[in-house]
Amino acid sequence: MIEKIIIYFIVINLIGFFAMWIDKQKAIRGSWRIPEKTLFIITALGGGIGTISGMYMFRHKTQKIAFVIGFPFITLIEIITIIYFMFTYK
């Protein structure tokens, strides 16, 4: 079971990382963009490390306070929740 959870987090973070890259490329070309709501959903589904990494690696959305504060906040809440459940339900 734990292996499946680890694989899930690896995949969702890769999705988040590449979503930021794709959105940056689309922004450069001036074409259709990935909705901001979608980027937040990916983060909320556990892809925070990937989206934050992509945000800073590609310098994308770093001027938007909602992303600079929102992505880390969501990720921190998820980490705290995971730690809580790990110690509560051994």
N, C-alpha and C. Protein backbone atom coordinates (compact mmCIF):
# COMPACT_ATOMS: atom_id res chain seq x y z
N MET A 1 0.82 -1.21 0.00
CA MET A 1 0.00 0.00 0.00
C MET A 1 0.86 1.26 0.00
N ILE A 2 1.89 1.29 0.84
CA ILE A 2 2.73 2.48 0.92
C ILE A 2 3.44 2.74 -0.40
N GLU A 3 3.76 1.66 -1.14
CA GLU A 3 4.41 1.83 -2.44
C GLU A 3 3.51 2.59 -3.41
N LYS A 4 2.22 2.29 -3.39
CA LYS A 4 1.27 2.96 -4.27
C LYS A 4 1.15 4.44 -3.91
N ILE A 5 1.18 4.75 -2.63
CA ILE A 5 1.11 6.14 -2.19
C ILE A 5 2.35 6.90 -2.65
N ILE A 6 3.50 6.29 -2.51
CA ILE A 6 4.75 6.92 -2.95
C ILE A 6 4.73 7.16 -4.45
N ILE A 7 4.29 6.17 -5.20
CA ILE A 7 4.19 6.33 -6.66
C ILE A 7 3.23 7.45 -7.01
N TYR A 8 2.10 7.52 -6.31
CA TYR A 8 1.13 8.59 -6.54
C TYR A 8 1.78 9.95 -6.36
N PHE A 9 2.50 10.14 -5.24
CA PHE A 9 3.11 11.44 -4.98
C PHE A 9 4.20 11.78 -6.00
N ILE A 10 4.93 10.79 -6.45
CA ILE A 10 5.93 11.04 -7.49
C ILE A 10 5.24 11.49 -8.78
N VAL A 11 4.20 10.79 -9.18
CA VAL A 11 3.50 11.11 -10.42
C VAL A 11 2.83 12.48 -10.34
N ILE A 12 2.11 12.76 -9.26
CA ILE A 12 1.39 14.05 -9.16
C ILE A 12 2.38 15.22 -9.11
N ASN A 13 3.55 15.03 -8.51
CA ASN A 13 4.54 16.10 -8.49
C ASN A 13 5.19 16.29 -9.85
N LEU A 14 5.38 15.21 -10.59
CA LEU A 14 5.88 15.35 -11.97
C LEU A 14 4.85 16.07 -12.83
N ILE A 15 3.58 15.74 -12.64
CA ILE A 15 2.51 16.42 -13.37
C ILE A 15 2.54 17.92 -13.04
N GLY A 16 2.66 18.24 -11.76
CA GLY A 16 2.72 19.65 -11.35
C GLY A 16 3.91 20.38 -11.96
N PHE A 17 5.06 19.75 -11.94
CA PHE A 17 6.28 20.35 -12.49
C PHE A 17 6.11 20.62 -13.98
N PHE A 18 5.64 19.61 -14.71
CA PHE A 18 5.49 19.77 -16.15
C PHE A 18 4.32 20.68 -16.51
N ALA A 19 3.30 20.77 -15.68
CA ALA A 19 2.21 21.71 -15.92
C ALA A 19 2.73 23.14 -15.86
N MET A 20 3.63 23.42 -14.92
CA MET A 20 4.22 24.75 -14.85
C MET A 20 5.09 25.03 -16.08
N TRP A 21 5.82 24.03 -16.54
CA TRP A 21 6.66 24.20 -17.71
C TRP A 21 5.81 24.45 -18.96
N ILE A 22 4.76 23.63 -19.12
CA ILE A 22 3.88 23.78 -20.28
C ILE A 22 3.21 25.15 -20.27
N ASP A 23 2.72 25.58 -19.10
CA ASP A 23 2.06 26.88 -19.01
C ASP A 23 3.04 28.01 -19.33
N LYS A 24 4.27 27.89 -18.89
CA LYS A 24 5.29 28.90 -19.19
C LYS A 24 5.55 28.96 -20.69
N GLN A 25 5.68 27.81 -21.33
CA GLN A 25 5.90 27.78 -22.78
C GLN A 25 4.73 28.40 -23.53
N LYS A 26 3.52 28.11 -23.08
CA LYS A 26 2.34 28.69 -23.71
C LYS A 26 2.28 30.20 -23.49
N ALA A 27 2.72 30.65 -22.33
CA ALA A 27 2.75 32.09 -22.05
C ALA A 27 3.75 32.79 -22.98
N ILE A 28 4.88 32.17 -23.20
CA ILE A 28 5.89 32.75 -24.09
C ILE A 28 5.34 32.87 -25.51
N ARG A 29 4.62 31.84 -25.96
CA ARG A 29 4.07 31.83 -27.32
C ARG A 29 2.77 32.62 -27.43
N GLY A 30 2.19 32.99 -26.31
CA GLY A 30 0.94 33.73 -26.33
C GLY A 30 -0.27 32.87 -26.70
N SER A 31 -0.17 31.57 -26.46
CA SER A 31 -1.29 30.68 -26.80
C SER A 31 -2.12 30.36 -25.56
N TRP A 32 -3.11 29.49 -25.75
CA TRP A 32 -4.01 29.09 -24.67
C TRP A 32 -3.21 28.62 -23.47
N ARG A 33 -3.65 29.01 -22.27
CA ARG A 33 -2.92 28.71 -21.04
C ARG A 33 -3.67 27.71 -20.18
N ILE A 34 -2.92 27.07 -19.29
CA ILE A 34 -3.53 26.20 -18.28
C ILE A 34 -4.19 27.12 -17.25
N PRO A 35 -5.46 26.90 -16.94
CA PRO A 35 -6.13 27.77 -15.96
C PRO A 35 -5.42 27.74 -14.59
N GLU A 36 -5.36 28.89 -13.95
CA GLU A 36 -4.72 28.98 -12.63
C GLU A 36 -5.39 28.03 -11.64
N LYS A 37 -6.69 27.89 -11.76
CA LYS A 37 -7.44 26.98 -10.88
C LYS A 37 -6.90 25.55 -11.00
N THR A 38 -6.57 25.14 -12.21
CA THR A 38 -6.02 23.80 -12.44
C THR A 38 -4.69 23.63 -11.74
N LEU A 39 -3.83 24.65 -11.80
CA LEU A 39 -2.53 24.59 -11.14
C LEU A 39 -2.71 24.46 -9.62
N PHE A 40 -3.68 25.17 -9.07
CA PHE A 40 -3.96 25.05 -7.63
C PHE A 40 -4.53 23.68 -7.28
N ILE A 41 -5.35 23.12 -8.16
CA ILE A 41 -5.91 21.79 -7.91
C ILE A 41 -4.79 20.74 -7.89
N ILE A 42 -3.86 20.84 -8.84
CA ILE A 42 -2.73 19.91 -8.87
C ILE A 42 -1.94 20.01 -7.56
N THR A 43 -1.73 21.24 -7.09
CA THR A 43 -1.02 21.46 -5.83
C THR A 43 -1.79 20.84 -4.68
N ALA A 44 -3.10 21.06 -4.65
CA ALA A 44 -3.93 20.54 -3.56
C ALA A 44 -4.03 19.02 -3.57
N LEU A 45 -3.82 18.41 -4.71
CA LEU A 45 -3.86 16.95 -4.81
C LEU A 45 -2.55 16.30 -4.41
N GLY A 46 -1.60 17.12 -3.93
CA GLY A 46 -0.33 16.57 -3.47
C GLY A 46 0.85 16.93 -4.34
N GLY A 47 0.64 17.76 -5.35
CA GLY A 47 1.73 18.10 -6.27
C GLY A 47 2.44 19.40 -5.93
N GLY A 48 2.41 19.79 -4.67
CA GLY A 48 2.99 21.06 -4.26
C GLY A 48 4.48 21.18 -4.51
N ILE A 49 5.21 20.13 -4.23
CA ILE A 49 6.67 20.19 -4.44
C ILE A 49 6.97 20.37 -5.92
N GLY A 50 6.23 19.69 -6.77
CA GLY A 50 6.43 19.82 -8.22
C GLY A 50 6.06 21.18 -8.74
N THR A 51 4.90 21.71 -8.30
CA THR A 51 4.49 23.02 -8.80
C THR A 51 5.39 24.13 -8.28
N ILE A 52 5.79 24.04 -7.03
CA ILE A 52 6.70 25.05 -6.48
C ILE A 52 8.06 24.98 -7.18
N SER A 53 8.56 23.78 -7.40
CA SER A 53 9.84 23.62 -8.10
C SER A 53 9.74 24.19 -9.51
N GLY A 54 8.66 23.87 -10.21
CA GLY A 54 8.46 24.39 -11.56
C GLY A 54 8.31 25.90 -11.57
N MET A 55 7.62 26.43 -10.58
CA MET A 55 7.40 27.86 -10.51
C MET A 55 8.73 28.61 -10.46
N TYR A 56 9.65 28.13 -9.63
CA TYR A 56 10.93 28.83 -9.48
C TYR A 56 11.94 28.44 -10.55
N MET A 57 11.92 27.20 -11.00
CA MET A 57 12.87 26.80 -12.04
C MET A 57 12.59 27.52 -13.35
N PHE A 58 11.32 27.68 -13.69
CA PHE A 58 10.95 28.32 -14.95
C PHE A 58 10.61 29.80 -14.77
N ARG A 59 10.73 30.30 -13.54
CA ARG A 59 10.39 31.69 -13.21
C ARG A 59 9.01 32.05 -13.75
N HIS A 60 8.07 31.22 -13.36
CA HIS A 60 6.70 31.35 -13.85
C HIS A 60 5.75 31.55 -12.67
N LYS A 61 4.97 32.60 -12.72
CA LYS A 61 3.99 32.96 -11.68
C LYS A 61 4.68 33.45 -10.40
N THR A 62 5.96 33.77 -10.47
CA THR A 62 6.67 34.21 -9.26
C THR A 62 6.32 35.64 -8.86
N GLN A 63 5.66 36.37 -9.72
CA GLN A 63 5.24 37.73 -9.38
C GLN A 63 3.81 37.78 -8.84
N LYS A 64 3.14 36.64 -8.87
CA LYS A 64 1.76 36.58 -8.38
C LYS A 64 1.76 36.09 -6.94
N ILE A 65 1.33 36.95 -6.04
CA ILE A 65 1.37 36.65 -4.61
C ILE A 65 0.52 35.43 -4.26
N ALA A 66 -0.57 35.22 -4.99
CA ALA A 66 -1.42 34.06 -4.72
C ALA A 66 -0.65 32.76 -4.91
N PHE A 67 0.26 32.74 -5.85
CA PHE A 67 1.06 31.54 -6.09
C PHE A 67 2.24 31.46 -5.14
N VAL A 68 2.91 32.57 -4.93
CA VAL A 68 4.09 32.59 -4.06
C VAL A 68 3.73 32.19 -2.63
N ILE A 69 2.55 32.59 -2.18
CA ILE A 69 2.11 32.23 -0.83
C ILE A 69 1.21 30.99 -0.85
N GLY A 70 0.35 30.90 -1.86
CA GLY A 70 -0.65 29.82 -1.92
C GLY A 70 -0.06 28.43 -2.07
N PHE A 71 0.86 28.25 -3.01
CA PHE A 71 1.45 26.92 -3.22
C PHE A 71 2.16 26.42 -1.97
N PRO A 72 3.07 27.20 -1.37
CA PRO A 72 3.72 26.71 -0.15
C PRO A 72 2.75 26.49 1.01
N PHE A 73 1.74 27.35 1.13
CA PHE A 73 0.76 27.20 2.21
C PHE A 73 0.01 25.88 2.08
N ILE A 74 -0.49 25.61 0.88
CA ILE A 74 -1.21 24.35 0.64
C ILE A 74 -0.30 23.16 0.93
N THR A 75 0.94 23.23 0.45
CA THR A 75 1.89 22.14 0.64
C THR A 75 2.20 21.94 2.12
N LEU A 76 2.39 23.01 2.86
CA LEU A 76 2.67 22.93 4.29
C LEU A 76 1.50 22.29 5.04
N ILE A 77 0.29 22.70 4.72
CA ILE A 77 -0.90 22.12 5.37
C ILE A 77 -0.98 20.62 5.08
N GLU A 78 -0.68 20.23 3.84
CA GLU A 78 -0.70 18.80 3.50
C GLU A 78 0.36 18.03 4.28
N ILE A 79 1.56 18.57 4.39
CA ILE A 79 2.64 17.90 5.13
C ILE A 79 2.26 17.75 6.60
N ILE A 80 1.72 18.80 7.19
CA ILE A 80 1.30 18.74 8.59
C ILE A 80 0.20 17.69 8.77
N THR A 81 -0.74 17.64 7.84
CA THR A 81 -1.83 16.67 7.91
C THR A 81 -1.31 15.24 7.80
N ILE A 82 -0.37 15.01 6.88
CA ILE A 82 0.21 13.67 6.71
C ILE A 82 0.95 13.25 7.98
N ILE A 83 1.74 14.15 8.53
CA ILE A 83 2.47 13.84 9.77
C ILE A 83 1.50 13.54 10.91
N TYR A 84 0.45 14.34 11.01
CA TYR A 84 -0.56 14.11 12.05
C TYR A 84 -1.15 12.71 11.94
N PHE A 85 -1.58 12.33 10.73
CA PHE A 85 -2.20 11.02 10.55
C PHE A 85 -1.20 9.88 10.72
N MET A 86 0.05 10.12 10.39
CA MET A 86 1.07 9.08 10.57
C MET A 86 1.24 8.76 12.05
N PHE A 87 1.20 9.78 12.90
CA PHE A 87 1.41 9.55 14.33
C PHE A 87 0.11 9.20 15.06
N THR A 88 -1.02 9.57 14.50
CA THR A 88 -2.29 9.27 15.13
C THR A 88 -2.76 7.86 14.82
N TYR A 89 -2.55 7.42 13.59
CA TYR A 89 -3.05 6.10 13.16
C TYR A 89 -1.89 5.21 12.76
N LYS A 90 -1.09 4.78 13.73
CA LYS A 90 0.06 3.92 13.46
C LYS A 90 -0.36 2.53 13.08
